[in-house]
mmCIF file of all heavy atoms, coordinates in Angstrom:
data_MODEL
# 
_entry.id   MODEL 
# 
loop_
_atom_site.group_PDB 
_atom_site.id 
_atom_site.type_symbol 
_atom_site.label_atom_id 
_atom_site.label_alt_id 
_atom_site.label_comp_id 
_atom_site.label_asym_id 
_atom_site.label_entity_id 
_atom_site.label_seq_id 
_atom_site.pdbx_PDB_ins_code 
_atom_site.Cartn_x 
_atom_site.Cartn_y 
_atom_site.Cartn_z 
_atom_site.occupancy 
_atom_site.B_iso_or_equiv 
_atom_site.pdbx_formal_charge 
_atom_site.auth_seq_id 
_atom_site.auth_comp_id 
_atom_site.auth_asym_id 
_atom_site.auth_atom_id 
_atom_site.pdbx_PDB_model_num 
ATOM 1   N N   . HIS A 1 1  ? -60.388 39.294 -172.509 1.00 0.00 ? 1  HIS A N   1 
ATOM 2   C CA  . HIS A 1 1  ? -59.038 38.734 -172.389 1.00 0.00 ? 1  HIS A CA  1 
ATOM 3   C C   . HIS A 1 1  ? -58.911 37.441 -173.205 1.00 0.00 ? 1  HIS A C   1 
ATOM 4   O O   . HIS A 1 1  ? -57.921 37.244 -173.934 1.00 0.00 ? 1  HIS A O   1 
ATOM 5   C CB  . HIS A 1 1  ? -58.727 38.464 -170.922 1.00 0.00 ? 1  HIS A CB  1 
ATOM 6   C CG  . HIS A 1 1  ? -57.477 37.653 -170.709 1.00 0.00 ? 1  HIS A CG  1 
ATOM 7   N ND1 . HIS A 1 1  ? -56.214 38.170 -170.901 1.00 0.00 ? 1  HIS A ND1 1 
ATOM 8   C CD2 . HIS A 1 1  ? -57.306 36.341 -170.351 1.00 0.00 ? 1  HIS A CD2 1 
ATOM 9   C CE1 . HIS A 1 1  ? -55.313 37.227 -170.666 1.00 0.00 ? 1  HIS A CE1 1 
ATOM 10  N NE2 . HIS A 1 1  ? -55.954 36.108 -170.336 1.00 0.00 ? 1  HIS A NE2 1 
ATOM 11  N N   . LEU A 1 2  ? -59.884 36.569 -173.104 1.00 0.00 ? 2  LEU A N   1 
ATOM 12  C CA  . LEU A 1 2  ? -59.845 35.310 -173.853 1.00 0.00 ? 2  LEU A CA  1 
ATOM 13  C C   . LEU A 1 2  ? -59.840 35.551 -175.361 1.00 0.00 ? 2  LEU A C   1 
ATOM 14  O O   . LEU A 1 2  ? -59.084 34.918 -176.106 1.00 0.00 ? 2  LEU A O   1 
ATOM 15  C CB  . LEU A 1 2  ? -61.035 34.434 -173.465 1.00 0.00 ? 2  LEU A CB  1 
ATOM 16  C CG  . LEU A 1 2  ? -61.003 33.825 -172.058 1.00 0.00 ? 2  LEU A CG  1 
ATOM 17  C CD1 . LEU A 1 2  ? -62.311 33.096 -171.763 1.00 0.00 ? 2  LEU A CD1 1 
ATOM 18  C CD2 . LEU A 1 2  ? -59.816 32.861 -171.909 1.00 0.00 ? 2  LEU A CD2 1 
ATOM 19  N N   . LEU A 1 3  ? -60.680 36.469 -175.798 1.00 0.00 ? 3  LEU A N   1 
ATOM 20  C CA  . LEU A 1 3  ? -60.788 36.734 -177.234 1.00 0.00 ? 3  LEU A CA  1 
ATOM 21  C C   . LEU A 1 3  ? -59.529 37.401 -177.778 1.00 0.00 ? 3  LEU A C   1 
ATOM 22  O O   . LEU A 1 3  ? -59.030 37.038 -178.851 1.00 0.00 ? 3  LEU A O   1 
ATOM 23  C CB  . LEU A 1 3  ? -62.009 37.607 -177.513 1.00 0.00 ? 3  LEU A CB  1 
ATOM 24  C CG  . LEU A 1 3  ? -63.377 36.935 -177.320 1.00 0.00 ? 3  LEU A CG  1 
ATOM 25  C CD1 . LEU A 1 3  ? -64.499 37.963 -177.437 1.00 0.00 ? 3  LEU A CD1 1 
ATOM 26  C CD2 . LEU A 1 3  ? -63.577 35.822 -178.343 1.00 0.00 ? 3  LEU A CD2 1 
ATOM 27  N N   . GLU A 1 4  ? -59.006 38.387 -177.057 1.00 0.00 ? 4  GLU A N   1 
ATOM 28  C CA  . GLU A 1 4  ? -57.870 39.155 -177.564 1.00 0.00 ? 4  GLU A CA  1 
ATOM 29  C C   . GLU A 1 4  ? -56.534 38.453 -177.344 1.00 0.00 ? 4  GLU A C   1 
ATOM 30  O O   . GLU A 1 4  ? -55.660 38.494 -178.216 1.00 0.00 ? 4  GLU A O   1 
ATOM 31  C CB  . GLU A 1 4  ? -57.826 40.531 -176.879 1.00 0.00 ? 4  GLU A CB  1 
ATOM 32  C CG  . GLU A 1 4  ? -58.969 41.460 -177.265 1.00 0.00 ? 4  GLU A CG  1 
ATOM 33  C CD  . GLU A 1 4  ? -58.755 42.146 -178.607 1.00 0.00 ? 4  GLU A CD  1 
ATOM 34  O OE1 . GLU A 1 4  ? -57.920 41.662 -179.407 1.00 0.00 ? 4  GLU A OE1 1 
ATOM 35  O OE2 . GLU A 1 4  ? -59.420 43.163 -178.857 1.00 0.00 ? 4  GLU A OE2 1 
ATOM 36  N N   . ASN A 1 5  ? -56.364 37.825 -176.204 1.00 0.00 ? 5  ASN A N   1 
ATOM 37  C CA  . ASN A 1 5  ? -55.054 37.275 -175.839 1.00 0.00 ? 5  ASN A CA  1 
ATOM 38  C C   . ASN A 1 5  ? -54.928 35.774 -176.062 1.00 0.00 ? 5  ASN A C   1 
ATOM 39  O O   . ASN A 1 5  ? -53.819 35.233 -175.994 1.00 0.00 ? 5  ASN A O   1 
ATOM 40  C CB  . ASN A 1 5  ? -54.740 37.604 -174.381 1.00 0.00 ? 5  ASN A CB  1 
ATOM 41  C CG  . ASN A 1 5  ? -54.663 39.106 -174.139 1.00 0.00 ? 5  ASN A CG  1 
ATOM 42  O OD1 . ASN A 1 5  ? -54.249 39.865 -175.011 1.00 0.00 ? 5  ASN A OD1 1 
ATOM 43  N ND2 . ASN A 1 5  ? -55.076 39.539 -172.966 1.00 0.00 ? 5  ASN A ND2 1 
ATOM 44  N N   . LYS A 1 6  ? -56.037 35.101 -176.312 1.00 0.00 ? 6  LYS A N   1 
ATOM 45  C CA  . LYS A 1 6  ? -55.993 33.660 -176.584 1.00 0.00 ? 6  LYS A CA  1 
ATOM 46  C C   . LYS A 1 6  ? -56.437 33.344 -178.016 1.00 0.00 ? 6  LYS A C   1 
ATOM 47  O O   . LYS A 1 6  ? -55.717 32.677 -178.757 1.00 0.00 ? 6  LYS A O   1 
ATOM 48  C CB  . LYS A 1 6  ? -56.879 32.908 -175.578 1.00 0.00 ? 6  LYS A CB  1 
ATOM 49  C CG  . LYS A 1 6  ? -56.484 33.117 -174.127 1.00 0.00 ? 6  LYS A CG  1 
ATOM 50  C CD  . LYS A 1 6  ? -55.062 32.655 -173.842 1.00 0.00 ? 6  LYS A CD  1 
ATOM 51  C CE  . LYS A 1 6  ? -54.669 32.884 -172.389 1.00 0.00 ? 6  LYS A CE  1 
ATOM 52  N NZ  . LYS A 1 6  ? -53.280 32.480 -172.099 1.00 0.00 ? 6  LYS A NZ  1 
ATOM 53  N N   . LEU A 1 7  ? -57.639 33.833 -178.391 1.00 0.00 ? 7  LEU A N   1 
ATOM 54  C CA  . LEU A 1 7  ? -58.142 33.547 -179.734 1.00 0.00 ? 7  LEU A CA  1 
ATOM 55  C C   . LEU A 1 7  ? -57.380 34.314 -180.809 1.00 0.00 ? 7  LEU A C   1 
ATOM 56  O O   . LEU A 1 7  ? -56.971 33.731 -181.820 1.00 0.00 ? 7  LEU A O   1 
ATOM 57  C CB  . LEU A 1 7  ? -59.638 33.884 -179.812 1.00 0.00 ? 7  LEU A CB  1 
ATOM 58  C CG  . LEU A 1 7  ? -60.271 33.805 -181.203 1.00 0.00 ? 7  LEU A CG  1 
ATOM 59  C CD1 . LEU A 1 7  ? -60.260 32.368 -181.717 1.00 0.00 ? 7  LEU A CD1 1 
ATOM 60  C CD2 . LEU A 1 7  ? -61.695 34.349 -181.180 1.00 0.00 ? 7  LEU A CD2 1 
ATOM 61  N N   . GLN A 1 8  ? -57.187 35.606 -180.619 1.00 0.00 ? 8  GLN A N   1 
ATOM 62  C CA  . GLN A 1 8  ? -56.606 36.435 -181.678 1.00 0.00 ? 8  GLN A CA  1 
ATOM 63  C C   . GLN A 1 8  ? -55.198 36.004 -182.077 1.00 0.00 ? 8  GLN A C   1 
ATOM 64  O O   . GLN A 1 8  ? -54.879 36.002 -183.272 1.00 0.00 ? 8  GLN A O   1 
ATOM 65  C CB  . GLN A 1 8  ? -56.618 37.912 -181.259 1.00 0.00 ? 8  GLN A CB  1 
ATOM 66  C CG  . GLN A 1 8  ? -56.307 38.882 -182.394 1.00 0.00 ? 8  GLN A CG  1 
ATOM 67  C CD  . GLN A 1 8  ? -57.318 38.802 -183.536 1.00 0.00 ? 8  GLN A CD  1 
ATOM 68  O OE1 . GLN A 1 8  ? -58.514 38.753 -183.308 1.00 0.00 ? 8  GLN A OE1 1 
ATOM 69  N NE2 . GLN A 1 8  ? -56.820 38.789 -184.767 1.00 0.00 ? 8  GLN A NE2 1 
ATOM 70  N N   . PRO A 1 9  ? -54.319 35.615 -181.139 1.00 0.00 ? 9  PRO A N   1 
ATOM 71  C CA  . PRO A 1 9  ? -52.999 35.125 -181.568 1.00 0.00 ? 9  PRO A CA  1 
ATOM 72  C C   . PRO A 1 9  ? -53.075 33.905 -182.472 1.00 0.00 ? 9  PRO A C   1 
ATOM 73  O O   . PRO A 1 9  ? -52.272 33.760 -183.407 1.00 0.00 ? 9  PRO A O   1 
ATOM 74  C CB  . PRO A 1 9  ? -52.295 34.804 -180.241 1.00 0.00 ? 9  PRO A CB  1 
ATOM 75  C CG  . PRO A 1 9  ? -52.943 35.705 -179.246 1.00 0.00 ? 9  PRO A CG  1 
ATOM 76  C CD  . PRO A 1 9  ? -54.383 35.770 -179.667 1.00 0.00 ? 9  PRO A CD  1 
ATOM 77  N N   . ILE A 1 10 ? -54.028 33.020 -182.197 1.00 0.00 ? 10 ILE A N   1 
ATOM 78  C CA  . ILE A 1 10 ? -54.212 31.844 -183.055 1.00 0.00 ? 10 ILE A CA  1 
ATOM 79  C C   . ILE A 1 10 ? -54.661 32.287 -184.450 1.00 0.00 ? 10 ILE A C   1 
ATOM 80  O O   . ILE A 1 10 ? -54.165 31.796 -185.466 1.00 0.00 ? 10 ILE A O   1 
ATOM 81  C CB  . ILE A 1 10 ? -55.250 30.884 -182.434 1.00 0.00 ? 10 ILE A CB  1 
ATOM 82  C CG1 . ILE A 1 10 ? -54.742 30.343 -181.099 1.00 0.00 ? 10 ILE A CG1 1 
ATOM 83  C CG2 . ILE A 1 10 ? -55.556 29.734 -183.395 1.00 0.00 ? 10 ILE A CG2 1 
ATOM 84  C CD1 . ILE A 1 10 ? -55.766 29.528 -180.338 1.00 0.00 ? 10 ILE A CD1 1 
ATOM 85  N N   . VAL A 1 11 ? -55.597 33.227 -184.486 1.00 0.00 ? 11 VAL A N   1 
ATOM 86  C CA  . VAL A 1 11 ? -56.073 33.764 -185.761 1.00 0.00 ? 11 VAL A CA  1 
ATOM 87  C C   . VAL A 1 11 ? -54.928 34.439 -186.506 1.00 0.00 ? 11 VAL A C   1 
ATOM 88  O O   . VAL A 1 11 ? -54.771 34.268 -187.729 1.00 0.00 ? 11 VAL A O   1 
ATOM 89  C CB  . VAL A 1 11 ? -57.220 34.763 -185.525 1.00 0.00 ? 11 VAL A CB  1 
ATOM 90  C CG1 . VAL A 1 11 ? -57.572 35.497 -186.820 1.00 0.00 ? 11 VAL A CG1 1 
ATOM 91  C CG2 . VAL A 1 11 ? -58.448 34.047 -184.977 1.00 0.00 ? 11 VAL A CG2 1 
ATOM 92  N N   . ASN A 1 12 ? -54.103 35.202 -185.789 1.00 0.00 ? 12 ASN A N   1 
ATOM 93  C CA  . ASN A 1 12 ? -52.987 35.906 -186.426 1.00 0.00 ? 12 ASN A CA  1 
ATOM 94  C C   . ASN A 1 12 ? -52.009 34.926 -187.066 1.00 0.00 ? 12 ASN A C   1 
ATOM 95  O O   . ASN A 1 12 ? -51.504 35.154 -188.169 1.00 0.00 ? 12 ASN A O   1 
ATOM 96  C CB  . ASN A 1 12 ? -52.257 36.767 -185.397 1.00 0.00 ? 12 ASN A CB  1 
ATOM 97  C CG  . ASN A 1 12 ? -53.091 37.936 -184.911 1.00 0.00 ? 12 ASN A CG  1 
ATOM 98  O OD1 . ASN A 1 12 ? -54.085 38.290 -185.527 1.00 0.00 ? 12 ASN A OD1 1 
ATOM 99  N ND2 . ASN A 1 12 ? -52.690 38.529 -183.809 1.00 0.00 ? 12 ASN A ND2 1 
ATOM 100 N N   . LYS A 1 13 ? -51.746 33.837 -186.359 1.00 0.00 ? 13 LYS A N   1 
ATOM 101 C CA  . LYS A 1 13 ? -50.816 32.826 -186.896 1.00 0.00 ? 13 LYS A CA  1 
ATOM 102 C C   . LYS A 1 13 ? -51.391 32.193 -188.166 1.00 0.00 ? 13 LYS A C   1 
ATOM 103 O O   . LYS A 1 13 ? -50.678 32.006 -189.158 1.00 0.00 ? 13 LYS A O   1 
ATOM 104 C CB  . LYS A 1 13 ? -50.560 31.763 -185.828 1.00 0.00 ? 13 LYS A CB  1 
ATOM 105 C CG  . LYS A 1 13 ? -49.456 30.773 -186.191 1.00 0.00 ? 13 LYS A CG  1 
ATOM 106 C CD  . LYS A 1 13 ? -49.212 29.784 -185.054 1.00 0.00 ? 13 LYS A CD  1 
ATOM 107 C CE  . LYS A 1 13 ? -48.708 30.497 -183.812 1.00 0.00 ? 13 LYS A CE  1 
ATOM 108 N NZ  . LYS A 1 13 ? -48.356 29.526 -182.729 1.00 0.00 ? 13 LYS A NZ  1 
ATOM 109 N N   . TYR A 1 14 ? -52.683 31.891 -188.136 1.00 0.00 ? 14 TYR A N   1 
ATOM 110 C CA  . TYR A 1 14 ? -53.332 31.293 -189.306 1.00 0.00 ? 14 TYR A CA  1 
ATOM 111 C C   . TYR A 1 14 ? -53.361 32.282 -190.475 1.00 0.00 ? 14 TYR A C   1 
ATOM 112 O O   . TYR A 1 14 ? -53.065 31.915 -191.611 1.00 0.00 ? 14 TYR A O   1 
ATOM 113 C CB  . TYR A 1 14 ? -54.746 30.864 -188.956 1.00 0.00 ? 14 TYR A CB  1 
ATOM 114 C CG  . TYR A 1 14 ? -55.584 30.461 -190.160 1.00 0.00 ? 14 TYR A CG  1 
ATOM 115 C CD1 . TYR A 1 14 ? -55.408 29.228 -190.778 1.00 0.00 ? 14 TYR A CD1 1 
ATOM 116 C CD2 . TYR A 1 14 ? -56.529 31.344 -190.681 1.00 0.00 ? 14 TYR A CD2 1 
ATOM 117 C CE1 . TYR A 1 14 ? -56.154 28.868 -191.890 1.00 0.00 ? 14 TYR A CE1 1 
ATOM 118 C CE2 . TYR A 1 14 ? -57.277 30.991 -191.794 1.00 0.00 ? 14 TYR A CE2 1 
ATOM 119 C CZ  . TYR A 1 14 ? -57.091 29.764 -192.393 1.00 0.00 ? 14 TYR A CZ  1 
ATOM 120 O OH  . TYR A 1 14 ? -57.831 29.424 -193.493 1.00 0.00 ? 14 TYR A OH  1 
ATOM 121 N N   . SER A 1 15 ? -53.705 33.525 -190.187 1.00 0.00 ? 15 SER A N   1 
ATOM 122 C CA  . SER A 1 15 ? -53.820 34.521 -191.254 1.00 0.00 ? 15 SER A CA  1 
ATOM 123 C C   . SER A 1 15 ? -52.460 34.821 -191.872 1.00 0.00 ? 15 SER A C   1 
ATOM 124 O O   . SER A 1 15 ? -52.354 35.053 -193.084 1.00 0.00 ? 15 SER A O   1 
ATOM 125 C CB  . SER A 1 15 ? -54.457 35.800 -190.727 1.00 0.00 ? 15 SER A CB  1 
ATOM 126 O OG  . SER A 1 15 ? -53.623 36.450 -189.787 1.00 0.00 ? 15 SER A OG  1 
ATOM 127 N N   . TYR A 1 16 ? -51.405 34.795 -191.052 1.00 0.00 ? 16 TYR A N   1 
ATOM 128 C CA  . TYR A 1 16 ? -50.059 35.026 -191.589 1.00 0.00 ? 16 TYR A CA  1 
ATOM 129 C C   . TYR A 1 16 ? -49.673 33.906 -192.552 1.00 0.00 ? 16 TYR A C   1 
ATOM 130 O O   . TYR A 1 16 ? -49.135 34.163 -193.632 1.00 0.00 ? 16 TYR A O   1 
ATOM 131 C CB  . TYR A 1 16 ? -49.051 35.119 -190.451 1.00 0.00 ? 16 TYR A CB  1 
ATOM 132 C CG  . TYR A 1 16 ? -47.628 35.297 -190.936 1.00 0.00 ? 16 TYR A CG  1 
ATOM 133 C CD1 . TYR A 1 16 ? -47.180 36.542 -191.374 1.00 0.00 ? 16 TYR A CD1 1 
ATOM 134 C CD2 . TYR A 1 16 ? -46.743 34.220 -190.968 1.00 0.00 ? 16 TYR A CD2 1 
ATOM 135 C CE1 . TYR A 1 16 ? -45.889 36.712 -191.836 1.00 0.00 ? 16 TYR A CE1 1 
ATOM 136 C CE2 . TYR A 1 16 ? -45.447 34.373 -191.429 1.00 0.00 ? 16 TYR A CE2 1 
ATOM 137 C CZ  . TYR A 1 16 ? -45.020 35.622 -191.857 1.00 0.00 ? 16 TYR A CZ  1 
ATOM 138 O OH  . TYR A 1 16 ? -43.743 35.787 -192.311 1.00 0.00 ? 16 TYR A OH  1 
ATOM 139 N N   . ALA A 1 17 ? -49.968 32.693 -192.143 1.00 0.00 ? 17 ALA A N   1 
ATOM 140 C CA  . ALA A 1 17 ? -49.668 31.552 -193.027 1.00 0.00 ? 17 ALA A CA  1 
ATOM 141 C C   . ALA A 1 17 ? -50.462 31.645 -194.326 1.00 0.00 ? 17 ALA A C   1 
ATOM 142 O O   . ALA A 1 17 ? -49.951 31.348 -195.405 1.00 0.00 ? 17 ALA A O   1 
ATOM 143 C CB  . ALA A 1 17 ? -49.985 30.240 -192.301 1.00 0.00 ? 17 ALA A CB  1 
ATOM 144 N N   . LEU A 1 18 ? -51.698 32.109 -194.219 1.00 0.00 ? 18 LEU A N   1 
ATOM 145 C CA  . LEU A 1 18 ? -52.546 32.237 -195.401 1.00 0.00 ? 18 LEU A CA  1 
ATOM 146 C C   . LEU A 1 18 ? -52.029 33.327 -196.321 1.00 0.00 ? 18 LEU A C   1 
ATOM 147 O O   . LEU A 1 18 ? -51.984 33.157 -197.552 1.00 0.00 ? 18 LEU A O   1 
ATOM 148 C CB  . LEU A 1 18 ? -53.987 32.541 -194.972 1.00 0.00 ? 18 LEU A CB  1 
ATOM 149 C CG  . LEU A 1 18 ? -55.056 32.543 -196.064 1.00 0.00 ? 18 LEU A CG  1 
ATOM 150 C CD1 . LEU A 1 18 ? -55.183 31.164 -196.687 1.00 0.00 ? 18 LEU A CD1 1 
ATOM 151 C CD2 . LEU A 1 18 ? -56.398 32.990 -195.483 1.00 0.00 ? 18 LEU A CD2 1 
ATOM 152 N N   . ARG A 1 19 ? -51.586 34.438 -195.726 1.00 0.00 ? 19 ARG A N   1 
ATOM 153 C CA  . ARG A 1 19 ? -51.090 35.559 -196.539 1.00 0.00 ? 19 ARG A CA  1 
ATOM 154 C C   . ARG A 1 19 ? -49.803 35.189 -197.264 1.00 0.00 ? 19 ARG A C   1 
ATOM 155 O O   . ARG A 1 19 ? -49.616 35.529 -198.432 1.00 0.00 ? 19 ARG A O   1 
ATOM 156 C CB  . ARG A 1 19 ? -50.832 36.793 -195.667 1.00 0.00 ? 19 ARG A CB  1 
ATOM 157 C CG  . ARG A 1 19 ? -52.063 37.423 -195.064 1.00 0.00 ? 19 ARG A CG  1 
ATOM 158 C CD  . ARG A 1 19 ? -51.793 38.858 -194.627 1.00 0.00 ? 19 ARG A CD  1 
ATOM 159 N NE  . ARG A 1 19 ? -50.585 38.992 -193.837 1.00 0.00 ? 19 ARG A NE  1 
ATOM 160 C CZ  . ARG A 1 19 ? -50.538 38.914 -192.513 1.00 0.00 ? 19 ARG A CZ  1 
ATOM 161 N NH1 . ARG A 1 19 ? -51.646 38.651 -191.839 1.00 0.00 ? 19 ARG A NH1 1 
ATOM 162 N NH2 . ARG A 1 19 ? -49.412 39.085 -191.869 1.00 0.00 ? 19 ARG A NH2 1 
ATOM 163 N N   . THR A 1 20 ? -48.919 34.522 -196.564 1.00 0.00 ? 20 THR A N   1 
ATOM 164 C CA  . THR A 1 20 ? -47.623 34.203 -197.166 1.00 0.00 ? 20 THR A CA  1 
ATOM 165 C C   . THR A 1 20 ? -47.730 33.120 -198.224 1.00 0.00 ? 20 THR A C   1 
ATOM 166 O O   . THR A 1 20 ? -46.877 33.035 -199.107 1.00 0.00 ? 20 THR A O   1 
ATOM 167 C CB  . THR A 1 20 ? -46.636 33.748 -196.078 1.00 0.00 ? 20 THR A CB  1 
ATOM 168 O OG1 . THR A 1 20 ? -47.214 32.668 -195.332 1.00 0.00 ? 20 THR A OG1 1 
ATOM 169 C CG2 . THR A 1 20 ? -46.298 34.892 -195.146 1.00 0.00 ? 20 THR A CG2 1 
ATOM 170 N N   . SER A 1 21 ? -48.778 32.308 -198.152 1.00 0.00 ? 21 SER A N   1 
ATOM 171 C CA  . SER A 1 21 ? -48.934 31.240 -199.147 1.00 0.00 ? 21 SER A CA  1 
ATOM 172 C C   . SER A 1 21 ? -49.743 31.686 -200.358 1.00 0.00 ? 21 SER A C   1 
ATOM 173 O O   . SER A 1 21 ? -49.749 31.011 -201.382 1.00 0.00 ? 21 SER A O   1 
ATOM 174 C CB  . SER A 1 21 ? -49.615 30.020 -198.520 1.00 0.00 ? 21 SER A CB  1 
ATOM 175 O OG  . SER A 1 21 ? -50.930 30.353 -198.104 1.00 0.00 ? 21 SER A OG  1 
ATOM 176 N N   . ALA A 1 22 ? -50.417 32.829 -200.232 1.00 0.00 ? 22 ALA A N   1 
ATOM 177 C CA  . ALA A 1 22 ? -51.255 33.304 -201.336 1.00 0.00 ? 22 ALA A CA  1 
ATOM 178 C C   . ALA A 1 22 ? -50.459 34.199 -202.272 1.00 0.00 ? 22 ALA A C   1 
ATOM 179 O O   . ALA A 1 22 ? -49.525 34.882 -201.868 1.00 0.00 ? 22 ALA A O   1 
ATOM 180 C CB  . ALA A 1 22 ? -52.453 34.079 -200.783 1.00 0.00 ? 22 ALA A CB  1 
ATOM 181 N N   . ALA A 1 23 ? -50.860 34.196 -203.518 1.00 0.00 ? 23 ALA A N   1 
ATOM 182 C CA  . ALA A 1 23 ? -50.231 35.101 -204.482 1.00 0.00 ? 23 ALA A CA  1 
ATOM 183 C C   . ALA A 1 23 ? -50.697 36.513 -204.207 1.00 0.00 ? 23 ALA A C   1 
ATOM 184 O O   . ALA A 1 23 ? -51.875 36.761 -203.956 1.00 0.00 ? 23 ALA A O   1 
ATOM 185 C CB  . ALA A 1 23 ? -50.603 34.694 -205.910 1.00 0.00 ? 23 ALA A CB  1 
ATOM 186 N N   . GLU A 1 24 ? -49.790 37.475 -204.261 1.00 0.00 ? 24 GLU A N   1 
ATOM 187 C CA  . GLU A 1 24 ? -50.125 38.858 -203.969 1.00 0.00 ? 24 GLU A CA  1 
ATOM 188 C C   . GLU A 1 24 ? -50.540 39.601 -205.224 1.00 0.00 ? 24 GLU A C   1 
ATOM 189 O O   . GLU A 1 24 ? -50.098 39.307 -206.334 1.00 0.00 ? 24 GLU A O   1 
ATOM 190 C CB  . GLU A 1 24 ? -48.936 39.565 -203.327 1.00 0.00 ? 24 GLU A CB  1 
ATOM 191 C CG  . GLU A 1 24 ? -48.580 39.017 -201.951 1.00 0.00 ? 24 GLU A CG  1 
ATOM 192 C CD  . GLU A 1 24 ? -47.504 39.835 -201.305 1.00 0.00 ? 24 GLU A CD  1 
ATOM 193 O OE1 . GLU A 1 24 ? -46.852 40.614 -202.020 1.00 0.00 ? 24 GLU A OE1 1 
ATOM 194 O OE2 . GLU A 1 24 ? -47.314 39.698 -200.078 1.00 0.00 ? 24 GLU A OE2 1 
ATOM 195 N N   . ILE A 1 25 ? -51.397 40.600 -205.005 1.00 0.00 ? 25 ILE A N   1 
ATOM 196 C CA  . ILE A 1 25 ? -51.807 41.499 -206.095 1.00 0.00 ? 25 ILE A CA  1 
ATOM 197 C C   . ILE A 1 25 ? -51.191 42.850 -205.791 1.00 0.00 ? 25 ILE A C   1 
ATOM 198 O O   . ILE A 1 25 ? -51.718 43.609 -204.978 1.00 0.00 ? 25 ILE A O   1 
ATOM 199 C CB  . ILE A 1 25 ? -53.322 41.619 -206.182 1.00 0.00 ? 25 ILE A CB  1 
ATOM 200 C CG1 . ILE A 1 25 ? -53.955 40.231 -206.295 1.00 0.00 ? 25 ILE A CG1 1 
ATOM 201 C CG2 . ILE A 1 25 ? -53.746 42.497 -207.353 1.00 0.00 ? 25 ILE A CG2 1 
ATOM 202 C CD1 . ILE A 1 25 ? -55.471 40.262 -206.246 1.00 0.00 ? 25 ILE A CD1 1 
ATOM 203 N N   . PRO A 1 26 ? -50.039 43.189 -206.356 1.00 0.00 ? 26 PRO A N   1 
ATOM 204 C CA  . PRO A 1 26 ? -49.334 44.404 -205.934 1.00 0.00 ? 26 PRO A CA  1 
ATOM 205 C C   . PRO A 1 26 ? -50.046 45.676 -206.373 1.00 0.00 ? 26 PRO A C   1 
ATOM 206 O O   . PRO A 1 26 ? -50.416 45.836 -207.526 1.00 0.00 ? 26 PRO A O   1 
ATOM 207 C CB  . PRO A 1 26 ? -47.969 44.279 -206.608 1.00 0.00 ? 26 PRO A CB  1 
ATOM 208 C CG  . PRO A 1 26 ? -48.230 43.402 -207.799 1.00 0.00 ? 26 PRO A CG  1 
ATOM 209 C CD  . PRO A 1 26 ? -49.313 42.461 -207.404 1.00 0.00 ? 26 PRO A CD  1 
# 
């Protein structure tokens, strides 16, 4: 529960910010 419902949302938020700020390779 801690890993999936507490840690993973934080990771998801960070990874989304990283993806949107990085240049994409289409």
